[in-house]
C-alpha cells in the first residue's frame, strides 16, 4: 500500500460517514465499537465523540496499527493533539489525511479529518458536529484552527511501492517479532544503537533513547540501512552495526 492509497482509503471512509446522526445522550456507533474502546483504553460511549470518530476511522482502515499511526489514541481532543505535538508531527499547514484540531471554549476541543486541500480552502469531515457527521469547509487562516496532526503513514505505507512497510502488529508484538528468543540483544546494546541513530540525525520521538526496540527505532533503522546501502530489513546484524559506526563527519 502506498501513502496515497492509505490516505485515499481513510478519506473515502470519512466521506461515507457524512450524514450519520447520533442517538439520545451522545450515543453513537463509533463509541460502540469495542476495538475503538480498547485502543482508547476505556468505554467512551455517551460522551462527546469527535475524537472517537477519528480513532474509529483509522481503526477501520488500519486495525491495531491506528495507535502507532496516530501516535496514540484518545477520546480527548487536547490529549490527541498532544500525541502529535510530542512526536513533532503537529503542523500549521494542512495536508490531505491530516487530523485537524480546533479551538473551542479556550482549549483544543474539536477535531476532524482533512479530506481535501485546494489552495486556501480545506474540506473536512467531522464527527459530533451538530449531532452527527458533517462535511465542512474552512480557509487556512481560520483562527479557530489550532493546527494539524500528521499521521505516521510510514507505519503502514510507503511512497515507494516496492518498499516494505512496517508490519501490522502491536508495539509489544513488534519487538518480539524482530528480536525473538535467541536473537534478543541486551537493552544496553539497544540504547547504544539508538544513540548511533541519533548521531546520524534520526529523531526517535518522545521515547528517545529508552532501550526498547519499538516501531520508531525500527523505522529509523531501516532508513539508515537504506542510506548505507544495506537491505532495509530492520534487523541490527553485524553488517548493519559495522556500517553504522562509520558515522559521517
Protein backbone atom coordinates (compact mmCIF):
# COMPACT_ATOMS: atom_id res chain seq x y z
CA UNK A 1 0.00 0.00 0.00
CA UNK A 2 1.37 3.42 -0.92
CA UNK A 3 0.90 6.54 1.19
CA UNK A 4 -1.57 7.97 -1.34
CA UNK A 5 -3.60 4.75 -1.25
CA UNK A 6 -3.69 4.82 2.56
CA UNK A 7 -4.85 8.44 2.61
CA UNK A 8 -7.48 7.76 -0.06
CA UNK A 9 -8.80 4.81 1.97
CA UNK A 10 -9.13 6.96 5.11
CA UNK A 11 -10.78 9.91 3.36
CA UNK A 12 -13.18 7.72 1.39
CA UNK A 13 -14.41 6.10 4.59
CA UNK A 14 -14.79 9.53 6.19
CA UNK A 15 -16.90 10.76 3.25
CA UNK A 16 -19.07 7.64 3.56
CA UNK A 17 -19.99 8.58 7.14
CA UNK A 18 -21.35 12.05 6.30
CA UNK A 19 -24.98 12.26 7.33
CA UNK A 20 -24.80 9.83 10.24
CA UNK A 21 -26.74 11.08 13.29
CA UNK A 22 -26.20 10.23 16.94
CA UNK A 23 -28.94 8.98 19.24
CA UNK A 24 -30.01 10.41 22.59
CA UNK A 25 -27.31 11.30 25.12
CA UNK A 26 -24.45 11.27 22.58
CA UNK A 27 -24.89 7.57 21.80
CA UNK A 28 -23.04 6.74 18.58
CA UNK A 29 -21.93 3.65 16.68
CA UNK A 30 -18.25 4.65 16.75
CA UNK A 31 -18.03 4.51 20.55
CA UNK A 32 -19.97 1.24 20.48
CA UNK A 33 -17.06 -0.39 18.64
CA UNK A 34 -15.20 -2.47 21.25
CA UNK A 35 -11.99 -2.29 19.24
CA UNK A 36 -12.09 1.50 19.44
CA UNK A 37 -12.69 1.36 23.20
CA UNK A 38 -9.72 -0.98 23.56
CA UNK A 39 -7.49 1.36 21.55
CA UNK A 40 -8.52 4.33 23.69
CA UNK A 41 -8.44 2.36 26.92
CA UNK A 42 -11.94 2.81 28.30
CA UNK A 43 -15.65 2.90 27.40
CA UNK A 44 -16.22 6.17 25.53
CA UNK A 45 -19.95 5.87 24.92
CA UNK A 46 -22.31 8.77 25.82
CA UNK A 47 -19.52 11.35 25.61
CA UNK A 48 -18.52 13.99 23.03
CA UNK A 49 -17.24 11.82 20.21
CA UNK A 50 -15.39 13.85 17.55
CA UNK A 51 -12.01 12.38 18.59
CA UNK A 52 -13.54 8.91 18.95
CA UNK A 53 -14.80 9.22 15.38
CA UNK A 54 -11.26 9.87 14.14
CA UNK A 55 -9.92 6.86 16.05
CA UNK A 56 -12.68 4.73 14.51
CA UNK A 57 -11.72 5.84 11.00
CA UNK A 58 -8.08 4.86 11.49
CA UNK A 59 -9.03 1.61 13.23
CA UNK A 60 -11.45 0.60 10.47
CA UNK A 61 -8.84 1.31 7.81
CA UNK A 62 -5.68 0.07 9.51
CA UNK A 63 -6.65 -2.07 12.50
CA UNK A 64 -4.49 -2.01 15.61
CA UNK A 65 -1.86 -0.02 13.75
CA UNK A 66 -4.11 3.01 14.33
CA UNK A 67 -2.40 3.54 17.68
CA UNK A 68 1.02 3.87 16.07
CA UNK A 69 -0.17 5.87 13.06
CA UNK A 70 -1.84 8.41 15.37
CA UNK A 71 0.99 8.22 17.96
CA UNK A 72 -1.68 7.18 20.47
CA UNK A 73 -5.47 7.09 20.63
CA UNK A 74 -7.60 9.30 22.87
CA UNK A 75 -11.21 10.44 23.15
CA UNK A 76 -9.86 13.81 24.29
CA UNK A 77 -9.06 16.28 21.51
CA UNK A 78 -6.40 18.08 23.54
CA UNK A 79 -4.69 14.81 24.51
CA UNK A 80 -4.77 13.56 20.90
CA UNK A 81 -3.22 16.85 19.75
CA UNK A 82 -0.53 16.40 22.41
CA UNK A 83 0.35 12.98 20.99
CA UNK A 84 1.13 14.58 17.64
CA UNK A 85 2.96 17.54 19.20
CA UNK A 86 5.08 15.29 21.38
CA UNK A 87 6.22 13.41 18.27
CA UNK A 88 6.99 16.53 16.21
CA UNK A 89 4.01 15.77 13.95
CA UNK A 90 1.86 18.87 14.54
CA UNK A 91 1.90 21.42 11.72
CA UNK A 92 0.45 24.87 10.89
CA UNK A 93 -0.34 23.98 7.26
CA UNK A 94 -2.70 21.17 6.17
CA UNK A 95 -2.26 18.10 4.01
CA UNK A 96 -4.95 15.67 2.90
CA UNK A 97 -5.31 12.95 5.52
CA UNK A 98 -4.24 15.15 8.45
CA UNK A 99 -6.24 15.27 11.67
CA UNK A 100 -7.39 18.86 12.09
CA UNK A 101 -7.81 20.39 15.57
CA UNK A 102 -9.96 23.37 16.56
CA UNK A 103 -10.03 25.76 19.47
CA UNK A 104 -13.31 25.83 21.40
CA UNK A 105 -14.03 27.17 24.87
CA UNK A 106 -10.43 28.24 25.37
CA UNK A 107 -8.76 24.93 24.53
CA UNK A 108 -8.44 22.35 21.75
CA UNK A 109 -11.89 20.79 21.97
CA UNK A 110 -12.87 19.65 18.49
CA UNK A 111 -11.29 17.59 15.73
CA UNK A 112 -11.89 16.01 12.33
CA UNK A 113 -10.13 14.71 9.23
CA UNK A 114 -8.84 16.82 6.34
CA UNK A 115 -10.25 15.14 3.22
CA UNK A 116 -9.17 17.74 0.68
CA UNK A 117 -6.93 20.80 0.36
CA UNK A 118 -7.42 23.14 -2.60
CA UNK A 119 -5.46 26.39 -2.47
CA UNK A 120 -6.50 28.15 0.73
CA UNK A 121 -9.65 26.03 1.16
CA UNK A 122 -9.76 22.98 3.43
CA UNK A 123 -12.52 20.37 3.29
CA UNK A 124 -13.05 18.31 6.43
CA UNK A 125 -15.24 15.53 7.75
CA UNK A 126 -16.03 15.91 11.46
CA UNK A 127 -17.86 13.75 13.94
CA UNK A 128 -20.08 15.17 16.70
CA UNK A 129 -20.81 18.23 14.57
CA UNK A 130 -24.45 19.30 15.02
CA UNK A 131 -25.20 15.84 16.49
CA UNK A 132 -23.76 13.93 13.55
CA UNK A 133 -21.02 13.55 10.97
CA UNK A 134 -20.70 16.57 8.69
CA UNK A 135 -18.58 17.79 5.81
CA UNK A 136 -17.30 21.35 6.25
CA UNK A 137 -15.01 23.85 4.54
CA UNK A 138 -12.63 26.41 6.06
CA UNK A 139 -9.99 28.87 4.94
CA UNK A 140 -6.47 28.02 6.05
CA UNK A 141 -6.28 31.27 8.01
CA UNK A 142 -9.35 30.49 10.14
CA UNK A 143 -8.44 31.46 13.72
CA UNK A 144 -10.45 28.56 15.09
CA UNK A 145 -7.91 26.10 13.67
CA UNK A 146 -5.27 25.11 16.22
CA UNK A 147 -3.19 23.03 13.80
CA UNK A 148 -2.88 19.71 12.03
CA UNK A 149 -1.71 16.35 13.34
CA UNK A 150 0.13 14.48 10.60
CA UNK A 151 -0.34 10.69 10.85
CA UNK A 152 2.74 8.49 10.67
CA UNK A 153 1.86 6.95 7.30
CA UNK A 154 5.21 5.18 7.16
CA UNK A 155 3.85 2.66 9.67
CA UNK A 156 1.68 1.01 7.02
CA UNK A 157 2.54 2.70 3.74
CA UNK A 158 5.38 3.94 1.60
CA UNK A 159 5.87 6.42 -1.22
CA UNK A 160 7.76 3.62 -2.96
CA UNK A 161 5.50 0.73 -3.97
CA UNK A 162 8.49 -1.63 -3.73
CA UNK A 163 9.35 -0.54 -0.19
CA UNK A 164 8.33 -2.98 2.50
CA UNK A 165 6.16 -1.18 5.09
CA UNK A 166 6.39 -1.82 8.81
CA UNK A 167 4.40 -4.97 9.76
CA UNK A 168 0.86 -4.50 11.09
CA UNK A 169 1.43 -5.54 14.69
CA UNK A 170 1.21 -4.02 18.15
CA UNK A 171 4.27 -2.43 19.75
CA UNK A 172 4.98 -5.31 22.13
CA UNK A 173 4.44 -7.96 19.47
CA UNK A 174 6.59 -5.84 17.14
CA UNK A 175 9.57 -6.18 19.45
CA UNK A 176 9.03 -9.91 19.84
CA UNK A 177 8.81 -10.34 16.06
CA UNK A 178 12.13 -8.70 15.30
CA UNK A 179 14.02 -9.80 18.40
CA UNK A 180 12.67 -13.26 19.35
CA UNK A 181 14.32 -15.50 21.93
CA UNK A 182 17.91 -16.20 20.88
CA UNK A 183 18.20 -13.01 18.83
CA UNK A 184 17.35 -10.50 21.54
CA UNK A 185 20.14 -8.00 22.05
CA UNK A 186 20.65 -6.59 25.57
CA UNK A 187 18.88 -3.37 26.46
CA UNK A 188 22.20 -1.55 26.83
CA UNK A 189 23.04 -2.57 23.26
CA UNK A 190 19.68 -1.23 22.06
CA UNK A 191 20.43 2.06 23.81
CA UNK A 192 23.82 2.15 22.12
CA UNK A 193 22.19 1.50 18.77
CA UNK A 194 19.60 4.21 19.38
CA UNK A 195 22.39 6.64 20.25
CA UNK A 196 24.07 5.79 16.92
CA UNK A 197 20.79 6.59 15.15
CA UNK A 198 20.63 9.93 16.95
CA UNK A 199 24.22 10.69 15.89
CA UNK A 200 23.18 10.05 12.29
CA UNK A 201 20.47 12.68 12.77
CA UNK A 202 17.43 10.47 13.26
CA UNK A 203 14.67 11.65 15.62
CA UNK A 204 13.42 8.91 17.93
CA UNK A 205 10.30 10.76 19.07
CA UNK A 206 9.17 11.23 22.64
CA UNK A 207 10.64 7.92 23.85
CA UNK A 208 14.15 8.81 22.75
CA UNK A 209 16.98 6.51 23.82
CA UNK A 210 14.90 4.18 26.00
CA UNK A 211 16.44 0.76 25.32
CA UNK A 212 13.26 -0.52 23.67
CA UNK A 213 13.35 -1.62 20.03
CA UNK A 214 9.95 -0.24 19.06
CA UNK A 215 8.28 0.95 15.88
CA UNK A 216 10.13 4.27 15.61
CA UNK A 217 13.54 2.66 16.22
CA UNK A 218 12.68 0.09 13.56
CA UNK A 219 11.75 2.79 11.05
CA UNK A 220 14.94 4.73 11.68
CA UNK A 221 16.98 1.52 11.43
CA UNK A 222 15.53 0.74 8.01
CA UNK A 223 16.15 4.32 6.89
CA UNK A 224 19.79 4.11 7.96
CA UNK A 225 20.22 0.74 6.27
CA UNK A 226 18.96 2.21 3.01
CA UNK A 227 21.28 5.15 3.45
CA UNK A 228 24.40 2.96 3.78
CA UNK A 229 23.38 0.51 1.06
CA UNK A 230 22.16 -2.41 3.16
CA UNK A 231 18.92 -4.32 2.62
CA UNK A 232 16.40 -2.49 4.87
CA UNK A 233 15.17 -5.42 6.97
CA UNK A 234 15.28 -3.53 10.27
CA UNK A 235 17.49 -6.13 11.93
CA UNK A 236 20.68 -4.87 13.55
CA UNK A 237 23.11 -7.53 12.40
CA UNK A 238 26.90 -7.37 12.26
CA UNK A 239 26.96 -5.72 8.82
CA UNK A 240 24.45 -3.05 9.83
CA UNK A 241 26.31 -2.27 13.05
CA UNK A 242 29.70 -2.14 11.30
CA UNK A 243 28.49 0.27 8.63
CA UNK A 244 26.55 2.41 11.11
CA UNK A 245 29.51 3.15 13.35
CA UNK A 246 31.26 4.74 10.35
CA UNK A 247 29.37 7.90 11.16
CA UNK A 248 29.64 10.87 8.79
CA UNK A 249 31.51 13.96 9.93
